[in-house]
Structures are given as C-alpha cells and as structure tokens.
Amino acid sequence: MLKDQTVPDNYLHGNLLKSIESALPAMGKTIDSVTIEDLVPVDEFHIGGRIATDQLMEKLDFSAGNHLLDVGCGLGGAARCVTTHYEWFVSGIDLTPEYIKTGRALSHWFYLKNQLN
C-alpha cells in the first residue's frame, strides 16, 4: 500500500457495478434474469467461496429469523446467500464505499424489485 493510500482506496475499482452489469449479456442474463448463484464467482470473493459460506452456516446453531453481522462483507454475496437459503437477517459493513454501493444495488436486483411487483 502506498504511503497516502487508505485501505478502501486499495480495493477501489471505480466502476464495479457497471462492470458487473456489462458482463451479464455474455452470460445470457439481464438484471431481471440474473440469479444469486450466477454471481457467486464475483459476489462471494472470500477464501472458499460459496462452499465455505455453506459449511460455516451449517455449523451455526441458528434458526430462521436470527440476525448476523457480516464484518468485511464486500459486495454482500455471503449475506445474500444466508438470507436466501437460511432465512436469517444479515447486516453487512465494509470499509470500501464502492463495495457497499454495489452490494446495495445487487441486493435491489434480487429483493426490492420482487417486493415492488
């Protein structure tokens, strides 16, 4: 890391949401047809990916409706997985504002649009 660079600056992409949106047609997807599973390669950007998320959740003795805090949530992929598959409420925090902004947009693709129908 450079002397004047902050941790969030180190992870800054600049156009992350636009990059994800522009990759959708190559997958044969649109914002309206993409699924959480389609985005796993970029959305669960942690060691072990979705397999690690599932293994951790299976070890927790939680029931539907519990609330988790995901510190360093990135784009929120693990949080969306947990919310969808385990019916737990998840709050996420991250140091990189672009990740939070992108994660909120991705969450909107999967939840808010369905709630508005």
C-alpha atoms as a PDB file:
ATOM      1  CA  MET A   1       0.000   0.000   0.000  1.00  0.00           C
ATOM      2  CA  LEU A   2       1.294   3.441  -0.865  1.00  0.00           C
ATOM      3  CA  LYS A   3       2.013   5.871   1.949  1.00  0.00           C
ATOM      4  CA  ASP A   4      -1.007   8.121   1.265  1.00  0.00           C
ATOM      5  CA  GLN A   5      -3.361   5.327   0.260  1.00  0.00           C
ATOM      6  CA  THR A   6      -6.115   4.136   2.600  1.00  0.00           C
ATOM      7  CA  VAL A   7      -7.436   0.578   2.861  1.00  0.00           C
ATOM      8  CA  PRO A   8     -10.635   1.439   0.911  1.00  0.00           C
ATOM      9  CA  ASP A   9      -8.514   3.044  -1.831  1.00  0.00           C
ATOM     10  CA  ASN A  10      -6.588  -0.212  -2.178  1.00  0.00           C
ATOM     11  CA  TYR A  11      -9.796  -2.061  -3.111  1.00  0.00           C
ATOM     12  CA  LEU A  12     -11.353   0.684  -5.246  1.00  0.00           C
ATOM     13  CA  HIS A  13     -12.388  -0.492  -8.699  1.00  0.00           C
ATOM     14  CA  GLY A  14     -14.095   2.673  -9.870  1.00  0.00           C
ATOM     15  CA  ASN A  15     -16.907   1.174 -11.973  1.00  0.00           C
ATOM     16  CA  LEU A  16     -17.646  -2.111 -10.266  1.00  0.00           C
ATOM     17  CA  LEU A  17     -21.417  -2.159 -10.714  1.00  0.00           C
ATOM     18  CA  LYS A  18     -21.120  -1.112 -14.350  1.00  0.00           C
ATOM     19  CA  SER A  19     -18.558  -3.890 -14.935  1.00  0.00           C
ATOM     20  CA  ILE A  20     -20.912  -6.484 -13.445  1.00  0.00           C
ATOM     21  CA  GLU A  21     -23.848  -5.157 -15.474  1.00  0.00           C
ATOM     22  CA  SER A  22     -21.828  -5.190 -18.707  1.00  0.00           C
ATOM     23  CA  ALA A  23     -20.799  -8.842 -18.130  1.00  0.00           C
ATOM     24  CA  LEU A  24     -24.399 -10.051 -17.865  1.00  0.00           C
ATOM     25  CA  PRO A  25     -25.115 -10.311 -21.627  1.00  0.00           C
ATOM     26  CA  ALA A  26     -22.088 -12.588 -22.093  1.00  0.00           C
ATOM     27  CA  MET A  27     -23.725 -14.893 -19.526  1.00  0.00           C
ATOM     28  CA  GLY A  28     -27.042 -14.711 -21.368  1.00  0.00           C
ATOM     29  CA  LYS A  29     -28.505 -12.766 -18.451  1.00  0.00           C
ATOM     30  CA  THR A  30     -30.067  -9.403 -17.707  1.00  0.00           C
ATOM     31  CA  ILE A  31     -30.607  -7.599 -14.417  1.00  0.00           C
ATOM     32  CA  ASP A  32     -34.084  -9.155 -14.382  1.00  0.00           C
ATOM     33  CA  SER A  33     -32.915 -12.731 -15.035  1.00  0.00           C
ATOM     34  CA  VAL A  34     -29.606 -12.993 -13.155  1.00  0.00           C
ATOM     35  CA  THR A  35     -29.637 -15.140 -10.016  1.00  0.00           C
ATOM     36  CA  ILE A  36     -27.611 -15.069  -6.834  1.00  0.00           C
ATOM     37  CA  GLU A  37     -25.898 -18.262  -7.981  1.00  0.00           C
ATOM     38  CA  ASP A  38     -24.899 -16.640 -11.288  1.00  0.00           C
ATOM     39  CA  LEU A  39     -22.870 -14.036  -9.394  1.00  0.00           C
ATOM     40  CA  VAL A  40     -21.113 -16.355  -6.934  1.00  0.00           C
ATOM     41  CA  PRO A  41     -17.712 -16.095  -8.706  1.00  0.00           C
ATOM     42  CA  VAL A  42     -17.569 -12.332  -8.120  1.00  0.00           C
ATOM     43  CA  ASP A  43     -20.037 -11.954  -5.282  1.00  0.00           C
ATOM     44  CA  GLU A  44     -18.540 -14.347  -2.725  1.00  0.00           C
ATOM     45  CA  PHE A  45     -14.998 -13.134  -3.037  1.00  0.00           C
ATOM     46  CA  HIS A  46     -13.572 -14.861   0.017  1.00  0.00           C
ATOM     47  CA  ILE A  47     -11.441 -17.928   0.542  1.00  0.00           C
ATOM     48  CA  GLY A  48     -13.561 -20.988  -0.147  1.00  0.00           C
ATOM     49  CA  GLY A  49     -16.395 -19.081  -1.844  1.00  0.00           C
ATOM     50  CA  ARG A  50     -19.928 -20.466  -1.572  1.00  0.00           C
ATOM     51  CA  ILE A  51     -18.685 -23.822  -0.229  1.00  0.00           C
ATOM     52  CA  ALA A  52     -17.095 -22.066   2.752  1.00  0.00           C
ATOM     53  CA  THR A  53     -20.226 -19.992   3.347  1.00  0.00           C
ATOM     54  CA  ASP A  54     -22.405 -23.104   3.381  1.00  0.00           C
ATOM     55  CA  GLN A  55     -20.008 -25.018   5.640  1.00  0.00           C
ATOM     56  CA  LEU A  56     -19.929 -22.179   8.180  1.00  0.00           C
ATOM     57  CA  MET A  57     -23.704 -21.756   8.201  1.00  0.00           C
ATOM     58  CA  GLU A  58     -24.224 -25.499   8.715  1.00  0.00           C
ATOM     59  CA  LYS A  59     -22.030 -25.338  11.840  1.00  0.00           C
ATOM     60  CA  LEU A  60     -24.022 -22.494  13.403  1.00  0.00           C
ATOM     61  CA  ASP A  61     -26.971 -23.464  15.564  1.00  0.00           C
ATOM     62  CA  PHE A  62     -29.303 -20.744  14.329  1.00  0.00           C
ATOM     63  CA  SER A  63     -32.931 -20.827  13.324  1.00  0.00           C
ATOM     64  CA  ALA A  64     -34.882 -18.790  10.779  1.00  0.00           C
ATOM     65  CA  GLY A  65     -35.152 -15.155  11.754  1.00  0.00           C
ATOM     66  CA  ASN A  66     -31.785 -14.858  13.511  1.00  0.00           C
ATOM     67  CA  HIS A  67     -29.644 -11.779  12.826  1.00  0.00           C
ATOM     68  CA  LEU A  68     -25.982 -11.953  11.792  1.00  0.00           C
ATOM     69  CA  LEU A  69     -23.376  -9.230  11.334  1.00  0.00           C
ATOM     70  CA  ASP A  70     -21.006  -9.703   8.377  1.00  0.00           C
ATOM     71  CA  VAL A  71     -17.898  -7.626   9.060  1.00  0.00           C
ATOM     72  CA  GLY A  72     -15.952  -7.038   5.862  1.00  0.00           C
ATOM     73  CA  CYS A  73     -18.967  -8.025   3.763  1.00  0.00           C
ATOM     74  CA  GLY A  74     -17.532  -6.908   0.434  1.00  0.00           C
ATOM     75  CA  LEU A  75     -20.345  -6.949  -2.111  1.00  0.00           C
ATOM     76  CA  GLY A  76     -22.599  -8.847   0.295  1.00  0.00           C
ATOM     77  CA  GLY A  77     -22.725 -12.143  -1.586  1.00  0.00           C
ATOM     78  CA  ALA A  78     -22.431 -14.289   1.512  1.00  0.00           C
ATOM     79  CA  ALA A  79     -25.101 -12.169   3.218  1.00  0.00           C
ATOM     80  CA  ARG A  80     -27.485 -12.626   0.271  1.00  0.00           C
ATOM     81  CA  CYS A  81     -26.806 -16.374   0.299  1.00  0.00           C
ATOM     82  CA  VAL A  82     -27.527 -16.625   4.027  1.00  0.00           C
ATOM     83  CA  THR A  83     -30.674 -14.521   3.737  1.00  0.00           C
ATOM     84  CA  THR A  84     -31.981 -16.560   0.816  1.00  0.00           C
ATOM     85  CA  HIS A  85     -31.029 -20.087   1.845  1.00  0.00           C
ATOM     86  CA  TYR A  86     -31.194 -19.890   5.649  1.00  0.00           C
ATOM     87  CA  GLU A  87     -33.790 -17.128   6.144  1.00  0.00           C
ATOM     88  CA  TRP A  88     -31.585 -15.198   8.545  1.00  0.00           C
ATOM     89  CA  PHE A  89     -31.375 -11.432   8.615  1.00  0.00           C
ATOM     90  CA  VAL A  90     -27.857 -10.164   7.845  1.00  0.00           C
ATOM     91  CA  SER A  91     -26.327  -6.723   8.255  1.00  0.00           C
ATOM     92  CA  GLY A  92     -23.041  -6.097   6.492  1.00  0.00           C
ATOM     93  CA  ILE A  93     -20.331  -3.492   6.935  1.00  0.00           C
ATOM     94  CA  ASP A  94     -17.256  -2.861   4.821  1.00  0.00           C
ATOM     95  CA  LEU A  95     -14.542  -0.200   4.621  1.00  0.00           C
ATOM     96  CA  THR A  96     -14.878   0.208   0.855  1.00  0.00           C
ATOM     97  CA  PRO A  97     -17.784   2.526  -0.039  1.00  0.00           C
ATOM     98  CA  GLU A  98     -17.885   1.216  -3.621  1.00  0.00           C
ATOM     99  CA  TYR A  99     -18.496  -2.318  -2.308  1.00  0.00           C
ATOM    100  CA  ILE A 100     -21.391  -1.115  -0.150  1.00  0.00           C
ATOM    101  CA  LYS A 101     -22.928   0.849  -3.030  1.00  0.00           C
ATOM    102  CA  THR A 102     -22.551  -2.096  -5.421  1.00  0.00           C
ATOM    103  CA  GLY A 103     -23.840  -4.564  -2.827  1.00  0.00           C
ATOM    104  CA  ARG A 104     -26.943  -2.458  -2.241  1.00  0.00           C
ATOM    105  CA  ALA A 105     -27.615  -2.375  -5.993  1.00  0.00           C
ATOM    106  CA  LEU A 106     -27.166  -6.144  -6.271  1.00  0.00           C
ATOM    107  CA  SER A 107     -29.495  -6.675  -3.310  1.00  0.00           C
ATOM    108  CA  HIS A 108     -32.049  -4.496  -5.048  1.00  0.00           C
ATOM    109  CA  TRP A 109     -31.835  -6.751  -8.121  1.00  0.00           C
ATOM    110  CA  PHE A 110     -32.793  -9.772  -6.033  1.00  0.00           C
ATOM    111  CA  TYR A 111     -35.183  -8.420  -3.404  1.00  0.00           C
ATOM    112  CA  LEU A 112     -36.606  -4.946  -3.824  1.00  0.00           C
ATOM    113  CA  LYS A 113     -37.763  -5.427  -7.399  1.00  0.00           C
ATOM    114  CA  ASN A 114     -39.701  -8.525  -6.313  1.00  0.00           C
ATOM    115  CA  GLN A 115     -41.268  -6.702  -3.376  1.00  0.00           C
ATOM    116  CA  LEU A 116     -42.473  -3.931  -5.666  1.00  0.00           C
ATOM    117  CA  ASN A 117     -44.336  -6.271  -8.051  1.00  0.00           C
END
